Amino acid sequence: MTAHPSPDPVELELASIRQQLTELRAEQREMKQAIDELVQTFRSLAMHLGIASEPYRKSGGATDRSKGSDIPGFA
């Protein structure tokens, strides 16, 4: 019979850190979803109150990039 060697403390710590990292990434995904929902709510409120409007979107035709890039809208 061979006795199982006790786990290396460094490996135990790495496993713990990996678990914490996995949990943090899951929390970050949840926070991103919540923030995206808040942004959509604020956009809707701003448009409803007349503070902002939908950004102008050019048709699919050719664009003139010689003037520089378009200024981003509220999106």
Protein backbone atom coordinates (compact mmCIF):
# COMPACT_ATOMS: atom_id res chain seq x y z
CA MET A 1 0.00 0.00 0.00
CA THR A 2 1.29 3.38 -0.91
CA ALA A 3 0.37 6.33 1.16
CA HIS A 4 -0.90 9.32 -0.77
CA PRO A 5 1.54 12.17 -0.41
CA SER A 6 0.07 15.28 1.12
CA PRO A 7 -0.84 17.90 -1.48
CA ASP A 8 1.72 20.57 -2.20
CA PRO A 9 0.74 23.87 -0.54
CA VAL A 10 1.58 25.75 -3.72
CA GLU A 11 -0.77 23.55 -5.75
CA LEU A 12 -3.52 24.07 -3.17
CA GLU A 13 -3.04 27.82 -3.36
CA LEU A 14 -3.10 27.75 -7.18
CA ALA A 15 -6.32 25.76 -7.14
CA SER A 16 -7.84 28.27 -4.74
CA ILE A 17 -6.77 31.20 -6.92
CA ARG A 18 -8.17 29.51 -10.03
CA GLN A 19 -11.51 29.02 -8.27
CA GLN A 20 -11.57 32.66 -7.16
CA LEU A 21 -10.73 33.79 -10.69
CA THR A 22 -13.57 31.71 -12.12
CA GLU A 23 -15.97 33.26 -9.61
CA LEU A 24 -14.75 36.78 -10.40
CA ARG A 25 -15.22 36.23 -14.13
CA ALA A 26 -18.78 35.02 -13.54
CA GLU A 27 -19.47 38.11 -11.43
CA GLN A 28 -18.00 40.32 -14.15
CA ARG A 29 -20.31 38.77 -16.75
CA GLU A 30 -23.30 39.41 -14.48
CA MET A 31 -22.18 42.99 -13.88
CA LYS A 32 -21.74 43.58 -17.62
CA GLN A 33 -25.26 42.36 -18.27
CA ALA A 34 -26.67 44.58 -15.50
CA ILE A 35 -24.74 47.60 -16.80
CA ASP A 36 -25.94 46.96 -20.37
CA GLU A 37 -29.51 46.89 -19.07
CA LEU A 38 -28.96 50.18 -17.18
CA VAL A 39 -27.49 51.82 -20.28
CA GLN A 40 -30.48 50.73 -22.35
CA THR A 41 -32.85 52.06 -19.68
CA PHE A 42 -31.08 55.43 -19.53
CA ARG A 43 -31.09 55.70 -23.32
CA SER A 44 -34.80 54.99 -23.41
CA LEU A 45 -35.48 57.54 -20.67
CA ALA A 46 -33.32 60.17 -22.36
CA MET A 47 -35.12 59.69 -25.66
CA HIS A 48 -38.51 59.71 -23.94
CA LEU A 49 -37.69 62.96 -22.12
CA GLY A 50 -36.30 64.53 -25.28
CA ILE A 51 -32.79 64.88 -23.90
CA ALA A 52 -31.29 62.68 -26.59
CA SER A 53 -32.35 61.17 -29.88
CA GLU A 54 -31.36 58.15 -31.89
CA PRO A 55 -27.96 58.75 -33.49
CA TYR A 56 -27.99 59.45 -37.20
CA ARG A 57 -27.04 56.38 -39.17
CA LYS A 58 -25.81 56.72 -42.72
CA SER A 59 -27.24 54.48 -45.38
CA GLY A 60 -25.16 51.55 -46.56
CA GLY A 61 -23.64 53.61 -49.38
CA ALA A 62 -20.03 54.73 -49.72
CA THR A 63 -18.68 56.92 -46.96
CA ASP A 64 -16.20 59.75 -47.28
CA ARG A 65 -13.36 58.95 -44.86
CA SER A 66 -11.20 61.86 -46.06
CA LYS A 67 -12.97 64.14 -43.56
CA GLY A 68 -12.10 61.85 -40.67
CA SER A 69 -14.24 59.41 -38.80
CA ASP A 70 -17.79 60.21 -37.76
CA ILE A 71 -18.38 61.54 -34.30
CA PRO A 72 -20.01 58.77 -32.27
CA GLY A 73 -23.64 59.26 -31.30
CA PHE A 74 -25.37 58.42 -28.07
CA ALA A 75 -25.06 54.71 -28.87
